[in-house]
Amino acid sequence: MMLMKTKAVQEGKITMKILLIAHGEFTTYLLKSAEMILGTQDENSVAAINFYPQDSMEALKKRVTEKLEDFQGEDILFLTDLRGGTPCNVSFLLSKQYKIHLLTGLNLTMLLEALLSKDEAITDELIEKIAAAGRDGVQVIK
């Protein structure tokens, strides 16, 4: 099923929101690395949420839900580090309540592609393009 651009996106009034969620401080430093390459990102469209050992699943869910409500956009992309990990599981649970799109296996190449695409509406093709960038960023160099 192809997702259509929302009216707001068609009129240029909204961009894709990106929420990074991962173990430890991975998202904070990955976002800083991306900003080193692309420049500072608007905190109203990109955010990093860290999951620490002392955090419960419910505490993470609360922080993510608060950020979702801050974003208030129809096109929200979640990028998580590890399939089956708590950040991914919380995101998947929230995808039943909110209109979010979830990719896992977060790396810098994937994040850069998402950031460069954030003025686009989320479509199945865009999700695949971002996922492919993440996969293609993993290379054996000889």
Protein backbone atom coordinates (compact mmCIF):
# COMPACT_ATOMS: atom_id res chain seq x y z
CA MET A 1 0.00 0.00 0.00
CA MET A 2 1.46 3.35 -0.98
CA LEU A 3 1.05 6.20 1.47
CA MET A 4 -0.12 9.47 -0.07
CA LYS A 5 1.22 12.91 0.76
CA THR A 6 -0.88 14.74 3.30
CA LYS A 7 -2.43 18.05 2.26
CA ALA A 8 -0.10 19.91 4.65
CA VAL A 9 2.96 18.30 3.09
CA GLN A 10 1.69 19.06 -0.41
CA GLU A 11 1.33 22.71 0.58
CA GLY A 12 4.80 22.73 2.11
CA LYS A 13 3.57 23.40 5.65
CA ILE A 14 4.94 20.32 7.35
CA THR A 15 8.01 18.15 7.10
CA MET A 16 8.66 14.63 8.21
CA LYS A 17 9.46 14.37 11.91
CA ILE A 18 12.27 12.00 12.89
CA LEU A 19 12.55 10.37 16.31
CA LEU A 20 15.71 8.43 17.16
CA ILE A 21 15.38 5.91 20.01
CA ALA A 22 18.17 3.60 21.15
CA HIS A 23 20.12 2.08 24.01
CA GLY A 24 22.51 4.31 25.96
CA GLU A 25 23.43 7.64 24.41
CA PHE A 26 23.75 6.26 20.89
CA THR A 27 21.05 8.54 19.47
CA THR A 28 22.46 11.70 21.06
CA TYR A 29 25.92 11.16 19.60
CA LEU A 30 24.68 9.81 16.28
CA LEU A 31 22.61 12.96 15.81
CA LYS A 32 25.64 15.10 16.74
CA SER A 33 27.68 13.21 14.13
CA ALA A 34 25.01 13.81 11.49
CA GLU A 35 24.93 17.50 12.40
CA MET A 36 28.69 17.64 11.95
CA ILE A 37 28.10 16.60 8.34
CA LEU A 38 24.77 18.30 7.52
CA GLY A 39 24.63 21.17 10.00
CA THR A 40 22.39 21.76 12.99
CA GLN A 41 18.95 20.17 12.74
CA ASP A 42 15.70 21.76 13.85
CA GLU A 43 14.76 20.35 17.25
CA ASN A 44 11.10 20.65 16.23
CA SER A 45 11.61 18.04 13.53
CA VAL A 46 14.36 15.74 14.85
CA ALA A 47 14.81 14.40 18.36
CA ALA A 48 16.90 11.79 20.16
CA ILE A 49 15.61 9.70 23.05
CA ASN A 50 18.04 7.58 25.05
CA PHE A 51 17.15 4.37 26.89
CA TYR A 52 19.29 3.69 29.96
CA PRO A 53 19.73 0.48 32.01
CA GLN A 54 17.78 1.94 34.95
CA ASP A 55 14.82 2.90 32.72
CA SER A 56 11.69 0.80 32.64
CA MET A 57 9.79 0.09 29.47
CA GLU A 58 6.97 2.28 30.81
CA ALA A 59 9.35 5.19 31.48
CA LEU A 60 10.64 5.00 27.91
CA LYS A 61 7.11 4.77 26.56
CA LYS A 62 6.17 7.90 28.52
CA ARG A 63 9.13 9.90 27.14
CA VAL A 64 8.41 8.78 23.59
CA THR A 65 4.69 9.59 23.93
CA GLU A 66 5.51 13.08 25.22
CA LYS A 67 7.74 13.70 22.19
CA LEU A 68 5.04 12.36 19.86
CA GLU A 69 2.62 14.89 21.30
CA ASP A 70 5.23 17.66 20.86
CA PHE A 71 5.69 16.73 17.20
CA GLN A 72 1.95 16.72 16.41
CA GLY A 73 2.66 15.74 12.82
CA GLU A 74 1.13 13.09 10.65
CA ASP A 75 4.44 11.94 9.18
CA ILE A 76 6.69 10.67 11.95
CA LEU A 77 9.59 8.32 11.29
CA PHE A 78 11.00 6.29 14.18
CA LEU A 79 14.55 5.03 13.81
CA THR A 80 15.64 2.48 16.43
CA ASP A 81 18.89 0.64 16.99
CA LEU A 82 18.02 -3.01 17.46
CA ARG A 83 15.09 -5.14 16.35
CA GLY A 84 13.57 -6.80 19.40
CA GLY A 85 15.19 -4.34 21.82
CA THR A 86 13.13 -2.23 24.19
CA PRO A 87 13.32 0.96 22.04
CA CYS A 88 12.02 -0.98 19.02
CA ASN A 89 9.37 -2.81 21.06
CA VAL A 90 8.07 0.42 22.61
CA SER A 91 7.98 2.02 19.17
CA PHE A 92 6.08 -0.92 17.74
CA LEU A 93 3.51 -0.77 20.55
CA LEU A 94 3.02 2.96 19.96
CA SER A 95 2.57 2.35 16.23
CA LYS A 96 -0.78 0.80 17.14
CA GLN A 97 -1.94 4.13 18.64
CA TYR A 98 -0.14 6.72 16.52
CA LYS A 99 0.60 7.15 12.85
CA ILE A 100 4.30 6.38 12.91
CA HIS A 101 6.65 4.54 10.59
CA LEU A 102 9.31 2.34 12.15
CA LEU A 103 12.75 1.37 10.87
CA THR A 104 15.33 -0.50 12.92
CA GLY A 105 19.05 -1.07 12.50
CA LEU A 106 19.86 2.62 12.84
CA ASN A 107 23.26 3.73 11.58
CA LEU A 108 24.75 7.02 10.43
CA THR A 109 24.12 6.38 6.74
CA MET A 110 20.44 5.67 7.43
CA LEU A 111 20.11 8.79 9.55
CA LEU A 112 21.78 11.00 6.94
CA GLU A 113 19.39 9.71 4.26
CA ALA A 114 16.41 10.37 6.53
CA LEU A 115 17.60 13.88 7.36
CA LEU A 116 18.20 14.68 3.70
CA SER A 117 14.67 13.42 2.94
CA LYS A 118 12.78 15.11 5.78
CA ASP A 119 11.08 17.60 3.46
CA GLU A 120 9.35 14.68 1.74
CA ALA A 121 6.16 12.94 2.77
CA ILE A 122 6.67 9.42 4.04
CA THR A 123 5.83 6.89 1.36
CA ASP A 124 6.65 3.20 1.13
CA GLU A 125 9.30 4.11 -1.44
CA LEU A 126 10.93 6.66 0.87
CA ILE A 127 10.99 4.18 3.76
CA GLU A 128 12.69 1.63 1.51
CA LYS A 129 15.17 4.26 0.25
CA ILE A 130 16.16 5.11 3.84
CA ALA A 131 16.43 1.43 4.80
CA ALA A 132 18.51 0.72 1.68
CA ALA A 133 20.87 3.56 2.56
CA GLY A 134 21.41 1.97 5.97
CA ARG A 135 22.09 -1.44 4.43
CA ASP A 136 24.33 0.03 1.72
CA GLY A 137 26.36 1.86 4.37
CA VAL A 138 27.60 -1.49 5.65
CA GLN A 139 30.47 -2.51 3.39
CA VAL A 140 33.48 -4.81 3.53
CA ILE A 141 36.49 -2.79 2.40
CA LYS A 142 39.51 -4.73 1.13
